[in-house]
PDB file of N, CA and C in Angstrom:
ATOM      1  N   UNK A   1       0.853  -1.177   0.000  1.00  0.00           N
ATOM      2  CA  UNK A   1       0.000   0.000   0.000  1.00  0.00           C
ATOM      3  C   UNK A   1       0.895   1.235   0.000  1.00  0.00           C
ATOM      4  N   UNK A   2       0.617   2.155  -0.929  1.00  0.00           N
ATOM      5  CA  UNK A   2       1.346   3.417  -0.984  1.00  0.00           C
ATOM      6  C   UNK A   2       0.340   4.565  -0.939  1.00  0.00           C
ATOM      7  N   UNK A   3       0.815   5.742  -0.627  1.00  0.00           N
ATOM      8  CA  UNK A   3      -0.018   6.937  -0.621  1.00  0.00           C
ATOM      9  C   UNK A   3       0.445   7.847  -1.745  1.00  0.00           C
ATOM     10  N   UNK A   4      -0.521   8.333  -2.543  1.00  0.00           N
ATOM     11  CA  UNK A   4      -0.194   9.233  -3.644  1.00  0.00           C
ATOM     12  C   UNK A   4      -1.090  10.462  -3.586  1.00  0.00           C
ATOM     13  N   UNK A   5      -0.593  11.544  -4.177  1.00  0.00           N
ATOM     14  CA  UNK A   5      -1.379  12.770  -4.320  1.00  0.00           C
ATOM     15  C   UNK A   5      -1.689  12.945  -5.799  1.00  0.00           C
ATOM     16  N   UNK A   6      -2.971  13.006  -6.120  1.00  0.00           N
ATOM     17  CA  UNK A   6      -3.411  13.197  -7.495  1.00  0.00           C
ATOM     18  C   UNK A   6      -3.826  14.643  -7.690  1.00  0.00           C
ATOM     19  N   UNK A   7      -3.317  15.251  -8.740  1.00  0.00           N
ATOM     20  CA  UNK A   7      -3.699  16.618  -9.102  1.00  0.00           C
ATOM     21  C   UNK A   7      -4.603  16.532 -10.322  1.00  0.00           C
ATOM     22  N   UNK A   8      -5.724  17.258 -10.271  1.00  0.00           N
ATOM     23  CA  UNK A   8      -6.709  17.201 -11.340  1.00  0.00           C
ATOM     24  C   UNK A   8      -6.678  18.470 -12.179  1.00  0.00           C
ATOM     25  N   UNK A   9      -7.325  18.399 -13.341  1.00  0.00           N
ATOM     26  CA  UNK A   9      -7.265  19.485 -14.319  1.00  0.00           C
ATOM     27  C   UNK A   9      -7.792  20.809 -13.789  1.00  0.00           C
ATOM     28  N   UNK A  10      -8.632  20.787 -12.753  1.00  0.00           N
ATOM     29  CA  UNK A  10      -9.139  22.030 -12.181  1.00  0.00           C
ATOM     30  C   UNK A  10      -8.248  22.556 -11.045  1.00  0.00           C
ATOM     31  N   UNK A  11      -7.113  21.866 -10.774  1.00  0.00           N
ATOM     32  CA  UNK A  11      -6.179  22.302  -9.740  1.00  0.00           C
ATOM     33  C   UNK A  11      -6.384  21.644  -8.386  1.00  0.00           C
ATOM     34  N   UNK A  12      -7.509  20.966  -8.198  1.00  0.00           N
ATOM     35  CA  UNK A  12      -7.745  20.278  -6.925  1.00  0.00           C
ATOM     36  C   UNK A  12      -6.799  19.099  -6.787  1.00  0.00           C
ATOM     37  N   UNK A  13      -6.475  18.769  -5.540  1.00  0.00           N
ATOM     38  CA  UNK A  13      -5.644  17.600  -5.267  1.00  0.00           C
ATOM     39  C   UNK A  13      -6.374  16.697  -4.279  1.00  0.00           C
ATOM     40  N   UNK A  14      -6.143  15.405  -4.433  1.00  0.00           N
ATOM     41  CA  UNK A  14      -6.703  14.411  -3.519  1.00  0.00           C
ATOM     42  C   UNK A  14      -5.588  13.447  -3.151  1.00  0.00           C
ATOM     43  N   UNK A  15      -5.431  13.200  -1.852  1.00  0.00           N
ATOM     44  CA  UNK A  15      -4.458  12.220  -1.363  1.00  0.00           C
ATOM     45  C   UNK A  15      -5.213  10.925  -1.092  1.00  0.00           C
ATOM     46  N   UNK A  16      -4.694   9.829  -1.633  1.00  0.00           N
ATOM     47  CA  UNK A  16      -5.374   8.545  -1.494  1.00  0.00           C
ATOM     48  C   UNK A  16      -4.375   7.408  -1.382  1.00  0.00           C
ATOM     49  N   UNK A  17      -4.794   6.304  -0.797  1.00  0.00           N
ATOM     50  CA  UNK A  17      -3.976   5.093  -0.725  1.00  0.00           C
ATOM     51  C   UNK A  17      -4.346   4.181  -1.882  1.00  0.00           C
ATOM     52  N   UNK A  18      -3.353   3.454  -2.392  1.00  0.00           N
ATOM     53  CA  UNK A  18      -3.596   2.497  -3.468  1.00  0.00           C
ATOM     54  C   UNK A  18      -2.682   1.299  -3.252  1.00  0.00           C
ATOM     55  N   UNK A  19      -3.203   0.135  -3.515  1.00  0.00           N
ATOM     56  CA  UNK A  19      -2.425  -1.098  -3.395  1.00  0.00           C
ATOM     57  C   UNK A  19      -1.628  -1.268  -4.679  1.00  0.00           C
ATOM     58  N   UNK A  20      -0.333  -1.075  -4.628  1.00  0.00           N
ATOM     59  CA  UNK A  20       0.487  -1.205  -5.818  1.00  0.00           C
ATOM     60  C   UNK A  20       1.737  -0.372  -5.718  1.00  0.00           C
ATOM     61  N   UNK A  21       2.337  -0.127  -6.861  1.00  0.00           N
ATOM     62  CA  UNK A  21       3.561   0.668  -6.947  1.00  0.00           C
ATOM     63  C   UNK A  21       3.211   2.049  -7.475  1.00  0.00           C
ATOM     64  N   UNK A  22       4.187   2.952  -7.452  1.00  0.00           N
ATOM     65  CA  UNK A  22       3.964   4.282  -8.010  1.00  0.00           C
ATOM     66  C   UNK A  22       3.638   4.171  -9.500  1.00  0.00           C
ATOM     67  N   UNK A  23       4.310   3.283 -10.186  1.00  0.00           N
ATOM     68  CA  UNK A  23       4.062   3.091 -11.621  1.00  0.00           C
ATOM     69  C   UNK A  23       2.628   2.617 -11.874  1.00  0.00           C
ATOM     70  N   UNK A  24       2.147   1.657 -11.077  1.00  0.00           N
ATOM     71  CA  UNK A  24       0.774   1.175 -11.286  1.00  0.00           C
ATOM     72  C   UNK A  24      -0.248   2.256 -10.915  1.00  0.00           C
ATOM     73  N   UNK A  25       0.079   3.098  -9.912  1.00  0.00           N
ATOM     74  CA  UNK A  25      -0.812   4.204  -9.558  1.00  0.00           C
ATOM     75  C   UNK A  25      -0.890   5.204 -10.710  1.00  0.00           C
ATOM     76  N   UNK A  26       0.247   5.503 -11.313  1.00  0.00           N
ATOM     77  CA  UNK A  26       0.248   6.421 -12.458  1.00  0.00           C
ATOM     78  C   UNK A  26      -0.550   5.838 -13.615  1.00  0.00           C
ATOM     79  N   UNK A  27      -0.389   4.531 -13.857  1.00  0.00           N
ATOM     80  CA  UNK A  27      -1.147   3.885 -14.932  1.00  0.00           C
ATOM     81  C   UNK A  27      -2.650   3.970 -14.683  1.00  0.00           C
ATOM     82  N   UNK A  28      -3.049   3.870 -13.437  1.00  0.00           N
ATOM     83  CA  UNK A  28      -4.468   3.898 -13.090  1.00  0.00           C
ATOM     84  C   UNK A  28      -5.044   5.315 -13.148  1.00  0.00           C
ATOM     85  N   UNK A  29      -4.346   6.285 -12.584  1.00  0.00           N
ATOM     86  CA  UNK A  29      -4.901   7.633 -12.449  1.00  0.00           C
ATOM     87  C   UNK A  29      -4.633   8.558 -13.625  1.00  0.00           C
ATOM     88  N   UNK A  30      -3.375   8.610 -14.093  1.00  0.00           N
ATOM     89  CA  UNK A  30      -2.981   9.636 -15.065  1.00  0.00           C
ATOM     90  C   UNK A  30      -3.832   9.629 -16.325  1.00  0.00           C
ATOM     91  N   UNK A  31      -4.310  10.822 -16.689  1.00  0.00           N
ATOM     92  CA  UNK A  31      -5.076  11.097 -17.902  1.00  0.00           C
ATOM     93  C   UNK A  31      -6.454  10.439 -17.912  1.00  0.00           C
ATOM     94  N   UNK A  32      -6.855   9.838 -16.801  1.00  0.00           N
ATOM     95  CA  UNK A  32      -8.194   9.279 -16.692  1.00  0.00           C
ATOM     96  C   UNK A  32      -9.110  10.259 -15.983  1.00  0.00           C
ATOM     97  N   UNK A  33     -10.400  10.100 -16.196  1.00  0.00           N
ATOM     98  CA  UNK A  33     -11.409  10.998 -15.644  1.00  0.00           C
ATOM     99  C   UNK A  33     -12.027  10.379 -14.407  1.00  0.00           C
ATOM    100  N   UNK A  34     -12.228  11.210 -13.367  1.00  0.00           N
ATOM    101  CA  UNK A  34     -12.800  10.746 -12.113  1.00  0.00           C
ATOM    102  C   UNK A  34     -13.834  11.761 -11.634  1.00  0.00           C
ATOM    103  N   UNK A  35     -14.848  11.258 -10.970  1.00  0.00           N
ATOM    104  CA  UNK A  35     -15.852  12.129 -10.371  1.00  0.00           C
ATOM    105  C   UNK A  35     -15.356  12.493  -8.973  1.00  0.00           C
ATOM    106  N   UNK A  36     -14.857  13.726  -8.814  1.00  0.00           N
ATOM    107  CA  UNK A  36     -14.302  14.140  -7.527  1.00  0.00           C
ATOM    108  C   UNK A  36     -15.256  15.062  -6.774  1.00  0.00           C
ATOM    109  N   UNK A  37     -16.500  15.104  -7.216  1.00  0.00           N
ATOM    110  CA  UNK A  37     -17.487  15.950  -6.553  1.00  0.00           C
ATOM    111  C   UNK A  37     -17.933  15.369  -5.225  1.00  0.00           C
ATOM    112  N   UNK A  38     -18.214  16.241  -4.263  1.00  0.00           N
ATOM    113  CA  UNK A  38     -18.709  15.798  -2.955  1.00  0.00           C
ATOM    114  C   UNK A  38     -20.234  15.741  -2.919  1.00  0.00           C
ATOM    115  N   UNK A  39     -20.884  16.748  -3.495  1.00  0.00           N
ATOM    116  CA  UNK A  39     -22.345  16.788  -3.500  1.00  0.00           C
ATOM    117  C   UNK A  39     -22.853  16.621  -4.926  1.00  0.00           C
ATOM    118  N   UNK A  40     -22.331  17.418  -5.833  1.00  0.00           N
ATOM    119  CA  UNK A  40     -22.696  17.318  -7.243  1.00  0.00           C
ATOM    120  C   UNK A  40     -21.552  16.659  -8.007  1.00  0.00           C
ATOM    121  N   UNK A  41     -21.880  16.084  -9.156  1.00  0.00           N
ATOM    122  CA  UNK A  41     -20.849  15.476  -9.994  1.00  0.00           C
ATOM    123  C   UNK A  41     -19.836  16.535 -10.421  1.00  0.00           C
ATOM    124  N   UNK A  42     -18.573  16.153 -10.437  1.00  0.00           N
ATOM    125  CA  UNK A  42     -17.490  17.047 -10.845  1.00  0.00           C
ATOM    126  C   UNK A  42     -16.433  16.190 -11.531  1.00  0.00           C
ATOM    127  N   UNK A  43     -16.622  15.942 -12.812  1.00  0.00           N
ATOM    128  CA  UNK A  43     -15.708  15.079 -13.568  1.00  0.00           C
ATOM    129  C   UNK A  43     -14.435  15.859 -13.904  1.00  0.00           C
ATOM    130  N   UNK A  44     -13.295  15.318 -13.463  1.00  0.00           N
ATOM    131  CA  UNK A  44     -12.004  15.959 -13.705  1.00  0.00           C
ATOM    132  C   UNK A  44     -10.995  14.912 -14.162  1.00  0.00           C
ATOM    133  N   UNK A  45     -10.044  15.360 -14.967  1.00  0.00           N
ATOM    134  CA  UNK A  45      -8.993  14.477 -15.456  1.00  0.00           C
ATOM    135  C   UNK A  45      -7.777  14.591 -14.551  1.00  0.00           C
ATOM    136  N   UNK A  46      -7.203  13.460 -14.178  1.00  0.00           N
ATOM    137  CA  UNK A  46      -5.985  13.445 -13.363  1.00  0.00           C
ATOM    138  C   UNK A  46      -4.805  13.806 -14.256  1.00  0.00           C
ATOM    139  N   UNK A  47      -4.062  14.848 -13.867  1.00  0.00           N
ATOM    140  CA  UNK A  47      -2.956  15.320 -14.699  1.00  0.00           C
ATOM    141  C   UNK A  47      -1.592  15.101 -14.053  1.00  0.00           C
ATOM    142  N   UNK A  48      -1.584  14.713 -12.769  1.00  0.00           N
ATOM    143  CA  UNK A  48      -0.298  14.493 -12.088  1.00  0.00           C
ATOM    144  C   UNK A  48      -0.500  13.531 -10.926  1.00  0.00           C
ATOM    145  N   UNK A  49       0.437  12.612 -10.765  1.00  0.00           N
ATOM    146  CA  UNK A  49       0.441  11.674  -9.636  1.00  0.00           C
ATOM    147  C   UNK A  49       1.823  11.703  -9.021  1.00  0.00           C
ATOM    148  N   UNK A  50       1.891  11.947  -7.711  1.00  0.00           N
ATOM    149  CA  UNK A  50       3.181  11.968  -7.028  1.00  0.00           C
ATOM    150  C   UNK A  50       3.080  11.228  -5.697  1.00  0.00           C
ATOM    151  N   UNK A  51       4.170  10.622  -5.277  1.00  0.00           N
ATOM    152  CA  UNK A  51       4.140   9.885  -4.005  1.00  0.00           C
ATOM    153  C   UNK A  51       4.061  10.829  -2.817  1.00  0.00           C
ATOM    154  N   UNK A  52       3.445  10.356  -1.765  1.00  0.00           N
ATOM    155  CA  UNK A  52       3.395  11.088  -0.502  1.00  0.00           C
ATOM    156  C   UNK A  52       4.218  10.287   0.491  1.00  0.00           C
ATOM    157  N   UNK A  53       5.219  10.927   1.070  1.00  0.00           N
ATOM    158  CA  UNK A  53       6.091  10.247   2.015  1.00  0.00           C
ATOM    159  C   UNK A  53       5.715  10.641   3.431  1.00  0.00           C
ATOM    160  N   UNK A  54       5.539   9.655   4.259  1.00  0.00           N
ATOM    161  CA  UNK A  54       5.184   9.903   5.653  1.00  0.00           C
ATOM    162  C   UNK A  54       6.453   9.940   6.487  1.00  0.00           C
ATOM    163  N   UNK A  55       6.973  11.147   6.679  1.00  0.00           N
ATOM    164  CA  UNK A  55       8.183  11.333   7.477  1.00  0.00           C
ATOM    165  C   UNK A  55       7.819  12.240   8.637  1.00  0.00           C
ATOM    166  N   UNK A  56       8.234  11.884   9.820  1.00  0.00           N
ATOM    167  CA  UNK A  56       7.946  12.740  10.961  1.00  0.00           C
ATOM    168  C   UNK A  56       9.196  12.966  11.789  1.00  0.00           C
ATOM    169  N   UNK A  57       9.288  14.146  12.360  1.00  0.00           N
ATOM    170  CA  UNK A  57      10.365  14.516  13.263  1.00  0.00           C
ATOM    171  C   UNK A  57      10.101  13.822  14.593  1.00  0.00           C
ATOM    172  N   UNK A  58      11.051  13.062  15.094  1.00  0.00           N
ATOM    173  CA  UNK A  58      10.838  12.278  16.305  1.00  0.00           C
ATOM    174  C   UNK A  58      11.391  12.988  17.528  1.00  0.00           C
ATOM    175  N   UNK A  59      12.675  13.338  17.511  1.00  0.00           N
ATOM    176  CA  UNK A  59      13.238  13.993  18.683  1.00  0.00           C
ATOM    177  C   UNK A  59      14.578  14.629  18.337  1.00  0.00           C
ATOM    178  N   UNK A  60      15.020  15.490  19.195  1.00  0.00           N
ATOM    179  CA  UNK A  60      16.313  16.123  19.058  1.00  0.00           C
ATOM    180  C   UNK A  60      17.094  15.864  20.340  1.00  0.00           C
ATOM    181  N   UNK A  61      18.318  15.390  20.205  1.00  0.00           N
ATOM    182  CA  UNK A  61      19.139  15.116  21.383  1.00  0.00           C
ATOM    183  C   UNK A  61      20.515  15.744  21.198  1.00  0.00           C
ATOM    184  N   UNK A  62      21.125  16.183  22.258  1.00  0.00           N
ATOM    185  CA  UNK A  62      22.463  16.777  22.172  1.00  0.00           C
ATOM    186  C   UNK A  62      23.506  15.673  22.226  1.00  0.00           C
ATOM    187  N   UNK A  63      24.516  15.816  21.422  1.00  0.00           N
ATOM    188  CA  UNK A  63      25.625  14.856  21.398  1.00  0.00           C
ATOM    189  C   UNK A  63      26.905  15.668  21.616  1.00  0.00           C
ATOM    190  N   UNK A  64      27.646  15.385  22.672  1.00  0.00           N
ATOM    191  CA  UNK A  64      28.855  16.148  22.965  1.00  0.00           C
ATOM    192  C   UNK A  64      30.064  15.495  22.319  1.00  0.00           C
ATOM    193  N   UNK A  65      30.909  16.307  21.704  1.00  0.00           N
ATOM    194  CA  UNK A  65      32.133  15.813  21.089  1.00  0.00           C
ATOM    195  C   UNK A  65      33.280  16.017  22.077  1.00  0.00           C
ATOM    196  N   UNK A  66      34.102  15.023  22.238  1.00  0.00           N
ATOM    197  CA  UNK A  66      35.251  15.112  23.151  1.00  0.00           C
ATOM    198  C   UNK A  66      36.543  14.975  22.361  1.00  0.00           C
ATOM    199  N   UNK A  67      37.583  15.629  22.870  1.00  0.00           N
ATOM    200  CA  UNK A  67      38.894  15.544  22.226  1.00  0.00           C
ATOM    201  C   UNK A  67      39.957  15.581  23.311  1.00  0.00           C
ATOM    202  N   UNK A  68      41.015  14.835  23.135  1.00  0.00           N
ATOM    203  CA  UNK A  68      42.115  14.788  24.108  1.00  0.00           C
ATOM    204  C   UNK A  68      41.597  14.440  25.504  1.00  0.00           C
ATOM    205  N   UNK A  69      41.145  13.221  25.650  1.00  0.00           N
ATOM    206  CA  UNK A  69      40.612  12.786  26.935  1.00  0.00           C
ATOM    207  C   UNK A  69      39.229  13.340  27.150  1.00  0.00           C
ATOM    208  N   UNK A  70      39.052  14.083  28.261  1.00  0.00           N
ATOM    209  CA  UNK A  70      37.733  14.611  28.583  1.00  0.00           C
ATOM    210  C   UNK A  70      37.580  16.094  28.282  1.00  0.00           C
ATOM    211  N   UNK A  71      38.501  16.681  27.535  1.00  0.00           N
ATOM    212  CA  UNK A  71      38.414  18.103  27.218  1.00  0.00           C
ATOM    213  C   UNK A  71      37.210  18.359  26.310  1.00  0.00           C
ATOM    214  N   UNK A  72      36.302  19.221  26.787  1.00  0.00           N
ATOM    215  CA  UNK A  72      35.082  19.546  26.046  1.00  0.00           C
ATOM    216  C   UNK A  72      35.419  20.480  24.890  1.00  0.00           C
ATOM    217  N   UNK A  73      35.040  20.126  23.685  1.00  0.00           N
ATOM    218  CA  UNK A  73      35.351  20.932  22.510  1.00  0.00           C
ATOM    219  C   UNK A  73      34.099  21.630  21.976  1.00  0.00           C
ATOM    220  N   UNK A  74      33.059  20.866  21.708  1.00  0.00           N
ATOM    221  CA  UNK A  74      31.888  21.435  21.054  1.00  0.00           C
ATOM    222  C   UNK A  74      30.708  20.504  21.281  1.00  0.00           C
ATOM    223  N   UNK A  75      29.512  21.005  21.003  1.00  0.00           N
ATOM    224  CA  UNK A  75      28.340  20.138  21.051  1.00  0.00           C
ATOM    225  C   UNK A  75      27.574  20.294  19.746  1.00  0.00           C
ATOM    226  N   UNK A  76      26.874  19.274  19.380  1.00  0.00           N
ATOM    227  CA  UNK A  76      26.068  19.311  18.170  1.00  0.00           C
ATOM    228  C   UNK A  76      24.757  18.604  18.460  1.00  0.00           C
ATOM    229  N   UNK A  77      23.746  18.847  17.655  1.00  0.00           N
ATOM    230  CA  UNK A  77      22.456  18.205  17.841  1.00  0.00           C
ATOM    231  C   UNK A  77      22.232  17.147  16.776  1.00  0.00           C
ATOM    232  N   UNK A  78      21.778  16.013  17.212  1.00  0.00           N
ATOM    233  CA  UNK A  78      21.409  14.944  16.291  1.00  0.00           C
ATOM    234  C   UNK A  78      19.893  14.819  16.349  1.00  0.00           C
ATOM    235  N   UNK A  79      19.261  14.931  15.222  1.00  0.00           N
ATOM    236  CA  UNK A  79      17.806  14.843  15.153  1.00  0.00           C
ATOM    237  C   UNK A  79      17.406  13.516  14.527  1.00  0.00           C
ATOM    238  N   UNK A  80      16.384  12.883  15.079  1.00  0.00           N
ATOM    239  CA  UNK A  80      15.930  11.588  14.590  1.00  0.00           C
ATOM    240  C   UNK A  80      14.624  11.755  13.817  1.00  0.00           C
ATOM    241  N   UNK A  81      14.511  11.014  12.733  1.00  0.00           N
ATOM    242  CA  UNK A  81      13.319  11.041  11.900  1.00  0.00           C
ATOM    243  C   UNK A  81      12.826   9.611  11.694  1.00  0.00           C
ATOM    244  N   UNK A  82      11.528   9.473  11.432  1.00  0.00           N
ATOM    245  CA  UNK A  82      10.954   8.170  11.117  1.00  0.00           C
ATOM    246  C   UNK A  82      10.201   8.325   9.798  1.00  0.00           C
ATOM    247  N   UNK A  83      10.351   7.344   8.908  1.00  0.00           N
ATOM    248  CA  UNK A  83       9.589   7.381   7.665  1.00  0.00           C
ATOM    249  C   UNK A  83       8.936   6.026   7.434  1.00  0.00           C
ATOM    250  N   UNK A  84       7.815   6.052   6.695  1.00  0.00           N
ATOM    251  CA  UNK A  84       7.008   4.857   6.533  1.00  0.00           C
ATOM    252  C   UNK A  84       6.735   4.566   5.064  1.00  0.00           C
ATOM    253  N   UNK A  85       7.754   4.530   4.236  1.00  0.00           N
ATOM    254  CA  UNK A  85       7.525   4.230   2.833  1.00  0.00           C
ATOM    255  C   UNK A  85       8.729   3.466   2.300  1.00  0.00           C
ATOM    256  N   UNK A  86       8.560   2.198   2.040  1.00  0.00           N
ATOM    257  CA  UNK A  86       9.654   1.335   1.600  1.00  0.00           C
ATOM    258  C   UNK A  86      10.161   1.689   0.207  1.00  0.00           C
ATOM    259  N   UNK A  87       9.364   2.424  -0.598  1.00  0.00           N
ATOM    260  CA  UNK A  87       9.801   2.712  -1.953  1.00  0.00           C
ATOM    261  C   UNK A  87      10.742   3.898  -2.037  1.00  0.00           C
ATOM    262  N   UNK A  88      10.947   4.612  -0.967  1.00  0.00           N
ATOM    263  CA  UNK A  88      11.779   5.807  -1.032  1.00  0.00           C
ATOM    264  C   UNK A  88      13.231   5.451  -1.299  1.00  0.00           C
ATOM    265  N   UNK A  89      13.825   6.171  -2.228  1.00  0.00           N
ATOM    266  CA  UNK A  89      15.250   6.026  -2.492  1.00  0.00           C
ATOM    267  C   UNK A  89      15.992   7.077  -1.675  1.00  0.00           C
ATOM    268  N   UNK A  90      17.302   6.897  -1.523  1.00  0.00           N
ATOM    269  CA  UNK A  90      18.078   7.794  -0.662  1.00  0.00           C
ATOM    270  C   UNK A  90      17.917   9.266  -1.018  1.00  0.00           C
ATOM    271  N   UNK A  91      17.928   9.604  -2.296  1.00  0.00           N
ATOM    272  CA  UNK A  91      17.771  10.999  -2.703  1.00  0.00           C
ATOM    273  C   UNK A  91      16.410  11.547  -2.326  1.00  0.00           C
ATOM    274  N   UNK A  92      15.380  10.715  -2.449  1.00  0.00           N
ATOM    275  CA  UNK A  92      14.032  11.139  -2.089  1.00  0.00           C
ATOM    276  C   UNK A  92      13.914  11.329  -0.580  1.00  0.00           C
ATOM    277  N   UNK A  93      14.545  10.447   0.186  1.00  0.00           N
ATOM    278  CA  UNK A  93      14.547  10.580   1.641  1.00  0.00           C
ATOM    279  C   UNK A  93      15.229  11.887   2.026  1.00  0.00           C
ATOM    280  N   UNK A  94      16.370  12.160   1.415  1.00  0.00           N
ATOM    281  CA  UNK A  94      17.124  13.377   1.706  1.00  0.00           C
ATOM    282  C   UNK A  94      16.283  14.614   1.425  1.00  0.00           C
ATOM    283  N   UNK A  95      15.626  14.672   0.272  1.00  0.00           N
ATOM    284  CA  UNK A  95      14.811  15.839  -0.084  1.00  0.00           C
ATOM    285  C   UNK A  95      13.633  16.000   0.873  1.00  0.00           C
ATOM    286  N   UNK A  96      12.978  14.901   1.209  1.00  0.00           N
ATOM    287  CA  UNK A  96      11.824  14.977   2.106  1.00  0.00           C
ATOM    288  C   UNK A  96      12.243  15.426   3.501  1.00  0.00           C
ATOM    289  N   UNK A  97      13.377  14.934   3.976  1.00  0.00           N
ATOM    290  CA  UNK A  97      13.861  15.331   5.299  1.00  0.00           C
ATOM    291  C   UNK A  97      14.285  16.796   5.294  1.00  0.00           C
ATOM    292  N   UNK A  98      14.910  17.256   4.220  1.00  0.00           N
ATOM    293  CA  UNK A  98      15.294  18.666   4.144  1.00  0.00           C
ATOM    294  C   UNK A  98      14.061  19.577   4.188  1.00  0.00           C
ATOM    295  N   UNK A  99      12.981  19.172   3.512  1.00  0.00           N
ATOM    296  CA  UNK A  99      11.744  19.955   3.572  1.00  0.00           C
ATOM    297  C   UNK A  99      11.190  19.962   4.991  1.00  0.00           C
ATOM    298  N   UNK A 100      11.206  18.795   5.645  1.00  0.00           N
ATOM    299  CA  UNK A 100      10.688  18.684   7.006  1.00  0.00           C
ATOM    300  C   UNK A 100      11.526  19.502   7.980  1.00  0.00           C
ATOM    301  N   UNK A 101      12.853  19.455   7.845  1.00  0.00           N
ATOM    302  CA  UNK A 101      13.707  20.214   8.757  1.00  0.00           C
ATOM    303  C   UNK A 101      13.503  21.717   8.568  1.00  0.00           C
ATOM    304  N   UNK A 102      13.298  22.153   7.333  1.00  0.00           N
ATOM    305  CA  UNK A 102      13.057  23.570   7.089  1.00  0.00           C
ATOM    306  C   UNK A 102      11.758  24.017   7.753  1.00  0.00           C
ATOM    307  N   UNK A 103      10.721  23.193   7.670  1.00  0.00           N
ATOM    308  CA  UNK A 103       9.436  23.541   8.292  1.00  0.00           C
ATOM    309  C   UNK A 103       9.539  23.576   9.815  1.00  0.00           C
ATOM    310  N   UNK A 104      10.433  22.758  10.396  1.00  0.00           N
ATOM    311  CA  UNK A 104      10.564  22.677  11.848  1.00  0.00           C
ATOM    312  C   UNK A 104      11.754  23.464  12.375  1.00  0.00           C
ATOM    313  N   UNK A 105      12.417  24.245  11.506  1.00  0.00           N
ATOM    314  CA  UNK A 105      13.559  25.070  11.888  1.00  0.00           C
ATOM    315  C   UNK A 105      14.673  24.257  12.516  1.00  0.00           C
ATOM    316  N   UNK A 106      14.922  23.061  11.966  1.00  0.00           N
ATOM    317  CA  UNK A 106      16.012  22.203  12.436  1.00  0.00           C
ATOM    318  C   UNK A 106      17.230  22.517  11.562  1.00  0.00           C
ATOM    319  N   UNK A 107      18.349  22.839  12.213  1.00  0.00           N
ATOM    320  CA  UNK A 107      19.540  23.245  11.479  1.00  0.00           C
ATOM    321  C   UNK A 107      20.475  22.084  11.150  1.00  0.00           C
ATOM    322  N   UNK A 108      20.542  21.083  12.029  1.00  0.00           N
ATOM    323  CA  UNK A 108      21.446  19.961  11.817  1.00  0.00           C
ATOM    324  C   UNK A 108      20.689  18.664  12.012  1.00  0.00           C
ATOM    325  N   UNK A 109      21.057  17.647  11.223  1.00  0.00           N
ATOM    326  CA  UNK A 109      20.422  16.341  11.352  1.00  0.00           C
ATOM    327  C   UNK A 109      21.357  15.270  10.833  1.00  0.00           C
ATOM    328  N   UNK A 110      21.060  14.037  11.199  1.00  0.00           N
ATOM    329  CA  UNK A 110      21.848  12.875  10.778  1.00  0.00           C
ATOM    330  C   UNK A 110      20.885  11.848  10.201  1.00  0.00           C
ATOM    331  N   UNK A 111      21.256  11.249   9.079  1.00  0.00           N
ATOM    332  CA  UNK A 111      20.450  10.170   8.495  1.00  0.00           C
ATOM    333  C   UNK A 111      21.210   8.865   8.682  1.00  0.00           C
ATOM    334  N   UNK A 112      20.570   7.911   9.331  1.00  0.00           N
ATOM    335  CA  UNK A 112      21.205   6.606   9.575  1.00  0.00           C
ATOM    336  C   UNK A 112      20.781   5.610   8.524  1.00  0.00           C
TER     337      UNK A 112
END
């Protein structure tokens, strides 16, 4: 199961789950017509399908760096993230985390 965001010809977007891959979701939605009306019929053509990645900021912890025995040099923050999409590639994870850190004003982070 993956989550995708479909953009329609009138500019509306709908986020939905679909059983399959991003490619099969694109095959199903792209250039096809769907009734996206809530009360009245509203037939719109899907013009874009993109994956939705579920990444959340988990916590921020301080990590102290030591040098020459116990001499305190500097401290840095390591931020932890959790994501729930097995299809994400490293570049996609990096971009999604950078967007999330910008929204949460996180300056430094580590990806494990």
